[in-house]
């Protein structure tokens, strides 16, 4: 269980859900109350984008933050393979409305490069195996021995 859920349980609070348990549509918050002074606000309040996620997805995001974005470390922490971690992250990005993959724009140099090779290069950056500038060189079709214009 996550730290946030543990903290809520200690103070007698339930985690906020973002979807209706009956029809699964987006819920709207209509009342807020201060626990210290009792002040209440009524109206229509939207939930934040993270409320679109399931509790499992929120747990994954918490692990991702603890691991400072290293998918390899997230996999080790959660006992998942790298492809599974990558797929879970893509599912979360989709749930948040960011699409399922980062698109690599074609440059004149990379137009003949297979899409799988481009994704492989981006995965290497994500895993920390190569730097962003090395990825740029590879996407432009240059090797390290050819030299790079700065």
C-alpha atoms as a PDB file:
ATOM      1  CA  UNK A   1       0.000   0.000   0.000  1.00  0.00           C
ATOM      2  CA  UNK A   2       1.232   3.478  -0.765  1.00  0.00           C
ATOM      3  CA  UNK A   3       2.340   6.128   1.716  1.00  0.00           C
ATOM      4  CA  UNK A   4      -0.564   8.404   0.744  1.00  0.00           C
ATOM      5  CA  UNK A   5      -3.150   5.693   1.367  1.00  0.00           C
ATOM      6  CA  UNK A   6      -1.489   4.844   4.718  1.00  0.00           C
ATOM      7  CA  UNK A   7      -1.606   8.518   5.784  1.00  0.00           C
ATOM      8  CA  UNK A   8      -5.306   8.833   4.886  1.00  0.00           C
ATOM      9  CA  UNK A   9      -6.178   5.712   6.841  1.00  0.00           C
ATOM     10  CA  UNK A  10      -4.411   7.076   9.952  1.00  0.00           C
ATOM     11  CA  UNK A  11      -6.566  10.221  10.020  1.00  0.00           C
ATOM     12  CA  UNK A  12      -9.834   8.422   9.185  1.00  0.00           C
ATOM     13  CA  UNK A  13     -10.065   9.583   5.587  1.00  0.00           C
ATOM     14  CA  UNK A  14     -11.040   7.544   2.573  1.00  0.00           C
ATOM     15  CA  UNK A  15      -9.130   7.955  -0.689  1.00  0.00           C
ATOM     16  CA  UNK A  16     -10.960  10.055  -3.270  1.00  0.00           C
ATOM     17  CA  UNK A  17     -12.221   8.069  -6.224  1.00  0.00           C
ATOM     18  CA  UNK A  18     -12.496   9.723  -9.608  1.00  0.00           C
ATOM     19  CA  UNK A  19     -14.980   7.376 -11.302  1.00  0.00           C
ATOM     20  CA  UNK A  20     -18.546   6.438 -10.377  1.00  0.00           C
ATOM     21  CA  UNK A  21     -18.580   2.859  -9.063  1.00  0.00           C
ATOM     22  CA  UNK A  22     -21.906   2.246 -10.871  1.00  0.00           C
ATOM     23  CA  UNK A  23     -21.561   3.764 -14.367  1.00  0.00           C
ATOM     24  CA  UNK A  24     -17.804   4.571 -14.353  1.00  0.00           C
ATOM     25  CA  UNK A  25     -18.363   8.182 -15.461  1.00  0.00           C
ATOM     26  CA  UNK A  26     -16.229  11.025 -14.054  1.00  0.00           C
ATOM     27  CA  UNK A  27     -17.281  12.153 -10.548  1.00  0.00           C
ATOM     28  CA  UNK A  28     -17.643  15.803  -9.510  1.00  0.00           C
ATOM     29  CA  UNK A  29     -16.771  17.053  -6.029  1.00  0.00           C
ATOM     30  CA  UNK A  30     -19.619  19.189  -4.665  1.00  0.00           C
ATOM     31  CA  UNK A  31     -18.523  19.950  -1.100  1.00  0.00           C
ATOM     32  CA  UNK A  32     -15.215  20.705   0.595  1.00  0.00           C
ATOM     33  CA  UNK A  33     -14.734  21.038   4.359  1.00  0.00           C
ATOM     34  CA  UNK A  34     -11.832  22.231   6.496  1.00  0.00           C
ATOM     35  CA  UNK A  35     -10.981  19.683   9.186  1.00  0.00           C
ATOM     36  CA  UNK A  36      -9.641  22.378  11.528  1.00  0.00           C
ATOM     37  CA  UNK A  37     -12.278  25.126  11.565  1.00  0.00           C
ATOM     38  CA  UNK A  38     -15.223  23.424   9.875  1.00  0.00           C
ATOM     39  CA  UNK A  39     -15.502  25.918   7.022  1.00  0.00           C
ATOM     40  CA  UNK A  40     -17.366  24.382   4.114  1.00  0.00           C
ATOM     41  CA  UNK A  41     -17.489  25.206   0.427  1.00  0.00           C
ATOM     42  CA  UNK A  42     -20.192  24.002  -1.924  1.00  0.00           C
ATOM     43  CA  UNK A  43     -20.101  24.056  -5.692  1.00  0.00           C
ATOM     44  CA  UNK A  44     -18.773  22.032  -8.578  1.00  0.00           C
ATOM     45  CA  UNK A  45     -15.086  21.207  -8.235  1.00  0.00           C
ATOM     46  CA  UNK A  46     -13.135  19.138 -10.723  1.00  0.00           C
ATOM     47  CA  UNK A  47     -10.802  16.403  -9.638  1.00  0.00           C
ATOM     48  CA  UNK A  48      -7.170  16.566 -10.707  1.00  0.00           C
ATOM     49  CA  UNK A  49      -5.860  14.513 -13.614  1.00  0.00           C
ATOM     50  CA  UNK A  50      -4.337  11.877 -11.319  1.00  0.00           C
ATOM     51  CA  UNK A  51      -7.843  11.011 -10.107  1.00  0.00           C
ATOM     52  CA  UNK A  52      -8.418   9.439 -13.535  1.00  0.00           C
ATOM     53  CA  UNK A  53      -6.017   6.685 -12.485  1.00  0.00           C
ATOM     54  CA  UNK A  54      -6.871   3.467 -10.683  1.00  0.00           C
ATOM     55  CA  UNK A  55      -5.342   2.807  -7.266  1.00  0.00           C
ATOM     56  CA  UNK A  56      -2.884   0.374  -8.911  1.00  0.00           C
ATOM     57  CA  UNK A  57      -1.844   3.066 -11.387  1.00  0.00           C
ATOM     58  CA  UNK A  58      -1.387   5.603  -8.576  1.00  0.00           C
ATOM     59  CA  UNK A  59       0.821   3.072  -6.768  1.00  0.00           C
ATOM     60  CA  UNK A  60       2.873   2.698  -9.955  1.00  0.00           C
ATOM     61  CA  UNK A  61       3.249   6.506 -10.241  1.00  0.00           C
ATOM     62  CA  UNK A  62       4.402   6.669  -6.609  1.00  0.00           C
ATOM     63  CA  UNK A  63       7.014   3.979  -7.327  1.00  0.00           C
ATOM     64  CA  UNK A  64       8.060   5.840 -10.495  1.00  0.00           C
ATOM     65  CA  UNK A  65       8.627   9.003  -8.432  1.00  0.00           C
ATOM     66  CA  UNK A  66      10.493   7.131  -5.672  1.00  0.00           C
ATOM     67  CA  UNK A  67      12.746   5.628  -8.352  1.00  0.00           C
ATOM     68  CA  UNK A  68      13.286   9.083  -9.894  1.00  0.00           C
ATOM     69  CA  UNK A  69      11.885   7.971 -13.245  1.00  0.00           C
ATOM     70  CA  UNK A  70      14.171   4.981 -13.767  1.00  0.00           C
ATOM     71  CA  UNK A  71      12.018   2.288 -15.362  1.00  0.00           C
ATOM     72  CA  UNK A  72      14.694  -0.279 -14.560  1.00  0.00           C
ATOM     73  CA  UNK A  73      14.459   0.591 -10.843  1.00  0.00           C
ATOM     74  CA  UNK A  74      10.638   0.629 -10.967  1.00  0.00           C
ATOM     75  CA  UNK A  75      10.772  -2.879 -12.417  1.00  0.00           C
ATOM     76  CA  UNK A  76      13.079  -4.044  -9.633  1.00  0.00           C
ATOM     77  CA  UNK A  77      10.899  -2.439  -6.946  1.00  0.00           C
ATOM     78  CA  UNK A  78       7.642  -3.878  -8.294  1.00  0.00           C
ATOM     79  CA  UNK A  79       9.052  -7.202  -9.514  1.00  0.00           C
ATOM     80  CA  UNK A  80       8.155  -6.530 -13.155  1.00  0.00           C
ATOM     81  CA  UNK A  81      10.065  -6.909 -16.391  1.00  0.00           C
ATOM     82  CA  UNK A  82      11.144  -3.773 -18.243  1.00  0.00           C
ATOM     83  CA  UNK A  83       8.581  -4.278 -21.063  1.00  0.00           C
ATOM     84  CA  UNK A  84       5.780  -4.658 -18.479  1.00  0.00           C
ATOM     85  CA  UNK A  85       6.869  -1.466 -16.702  1.00  0.00           C
ATOM     86  CA  UNK A  86       7.061   0.361 -20.028  1.00  0.00           C
ATOM     87  CA  UNK A  87       3.559  -0.851 -20.984  1.00  0.00           C
ATOM     88  CA  UNK A  88       2.146   0.221 -17.608  1.00  0.00           C
ATOM     89  CA  UNK A  89       3.656   3.682 -18.075  1.00  0.00           C
ATOM     90  CA  UNK A  90       2.135   3.899 -21.564  1.00  0.00           C
ATOM     91  CA  UNK A  91      -1.267   2.926 -20.118  1.00  0.00           C
ATOM     92  CA  UNK A  92      -0.971   5.687 -17.517  1.00  0.00           C
ATOM     93  CA  UNK A  93       0.026   8.252 -20.145  1.00  0.00           C
ATOM     94  CA  UNK A  94      -3.032   7.252 -22.166  1.00  0.00           C
ATOM     95  CA  UNK A  95      -5.304   7.487 -19.092  1.00  0.00           C
ATOM     96  CA  UNK A  96      -3.965  10.997 -18.437  1.00  0.00           C
ATOM     97  CA  UNK A  97      -4.662  12.004 -22.026  1.00  0.00           C
ATOM     98  CA  UNK A  98      -1.054  12.254 -23.180  1.00  0.00           C
ATOM     99  CA  UNK A  99      -1.244   9.511 -25.802  1.00  0.00           C
ATOM    100  CA  UNK A 100       0.332   6.116 -25.635  1.00  0.00           C
ATOM    101  CA  UNK A 101       3.739   6.871 -27.169  1.00  0.00           C
ATOM    102  CA  UNK A 102       6.070   9.708 -27.885  1.00  0.00           C
ATOM    103  CA  UNK A 103       6.242  10.229 -31.621  1.00  0.00           C
ATOM    104  CA  UNK A 104       9.699  10.797 -33.059  1.00  0.00           C
ATOM    105  CA  UNK A 105       9.478  13.351 -35.848  1.00  0.00           C
ATOM    106  CA  UNK A 106      11.106  12.297 -39.089  1.00  0.00           C
ATOM    107  CA  UNK A 107      14.164  14.239 -40.118  1.00  0.00           C
ATOM    108  CA  UNK A 108      15.609  13.927 -43.601  1.00  0.00           C
ATOM    109  CA  UNK A 109      18.329  11.738 -42.104  1.00  0.00           C
ATOM    110  CA  UNK A 110      15.961   9.396 -40.204  1.00  0.00           C
ATOM    111  CA  UNK A 111      13.219   8.924 -42.804  1.00  0.00           C
ATOM    112  CA  UNK A 112      14.559   5.550 -43.921  1.00  0.00           C
ATOM    113  CA  UNK A 113      15.052   4.319 -40.344  1.00  0.00           C
ATOM    114  CA  UNK A 114      12.528   1.706 -39.156  1.00  0.00           C
ATOM    115  CA  UNK A 115      10.140   2.909 -36.429  1.00  0.00           C
ATOM    116  CA  UNK A 116      11.264   0.037 -34.182  1.00  0.00           C
ATOM    117  CA  UNK A 117      14.865   1.297 -34.346  1.00  0.00           C
ATOM    118  CA  UNK A 118      13.725   4.810 -33.372  1.00  0.00           C
ATOM    119  CA  UNK A 119      11.790   3.404 -30.394  1.00  0.00           C
ATOM    120  CA  UNK A 120      14.841   1.348 -29.401  1.00  0.00           C
ATOM    121  CA  UNK A 121      17.001   4.492 -29.376  1.00  0.00           C
ATOM    122  CA  UNK A 122      14.438   6.317 -27.208  1.00  0.00           C
ATOM    123  CA  UNK A 123      14.268   3.340 -24.837  1.00  0.00           C
ATOM    124  CA  UNK A 124      18.047   3.461 -24.446  1.00  0.00           C
ATOM    125  CA  UNK A 125      17.788   7.129 -23.420  1.00  0.00           C
ATOM    126  CA  UNK A 126      14.975   6.295 -20.995  1.00  0.00           C
ATOM    127  CA  UNK A 127      17.058   3.506 -19.442  1.00  0.00           C
ATOM    128  CA  UNK A 128      20.071   5.819 -19.117  1.00  0.00           C
ATOM    129  CA  UNK A 129      22.206   3.732 -21.488  1.00  0.00           C
ATOM    130  CA  UNK A 130      22.853   6.680 -23.838  1.00  0.00           C
ATOM    131  CA  UNK A 131      22.526  10.457 -23.552  1.00  0.00           C
ATOM    132  CA  UNK A 132      20.011  12.599 -25.414  1.00  0.00           C
ATOM    133  CA  UNK A 133      22.782  13.989 -27.619  1.00  0.00           C
ATOM    134  CA  UNK A 134      23.932  10.451 -28.481  1.00  0.00           C
ATOM    135  CA  UNK A 135      20.327   9.588 -29.370  1.00  0.00           C
ATOM    136  CA  UNK A 136      20.146  12.646 -31.598  1.00  0.00           C
ATOM    137  CA  UNK A 137      23.304  11.508 -33.392  1.00  0.00           C
ATOM    138  CA  UNK A 138      21.864   8.020 -33.888  1.00  0.00           C
ATOM    139  CA  UNK A 139      18.525   9.392 -35.123  1.00  0.00           C
ATOM    140  CA  UNK A 140      20.375  11.585 -37.588  1.00  0.00           C
ATOM    141  CA  UNK A 141      22.218   8.503 -38.840  1.00  0.00           C
ATOM    142  CA  UNK A 142      25.636   9.463 -37.481  1.00  0.00           C
ATOM    143  CA  UNK A 143      27.950   7.225 -35.525  1.00  0.00           C
ATOM    144  CA  UNK A 144      30.280   8.419 -32.805  1.00  0.00           C
ATOM    145  CA  UNK A 145      33.313   7.836 -35.023  1.00  0.00           C
ATOM    146  CA  UNK A 146      32.005  10.194 -37.743  1.00  0.00           C
ATOM    147  CA  UNK A 147      32.145  13.223 -35.495  1.00  0.00           C
ATOM    148  CA  UNK A 148      29.422  15.627 -34.600  1.00  0.00           C
ATOM    149  CA  UNK A 149      28.914  19.253 -35.491  1.00  0.00           C
ATOM    150  CA  UNK A 150      28.392  21.335 -32.369  1.00  0.00           C
END
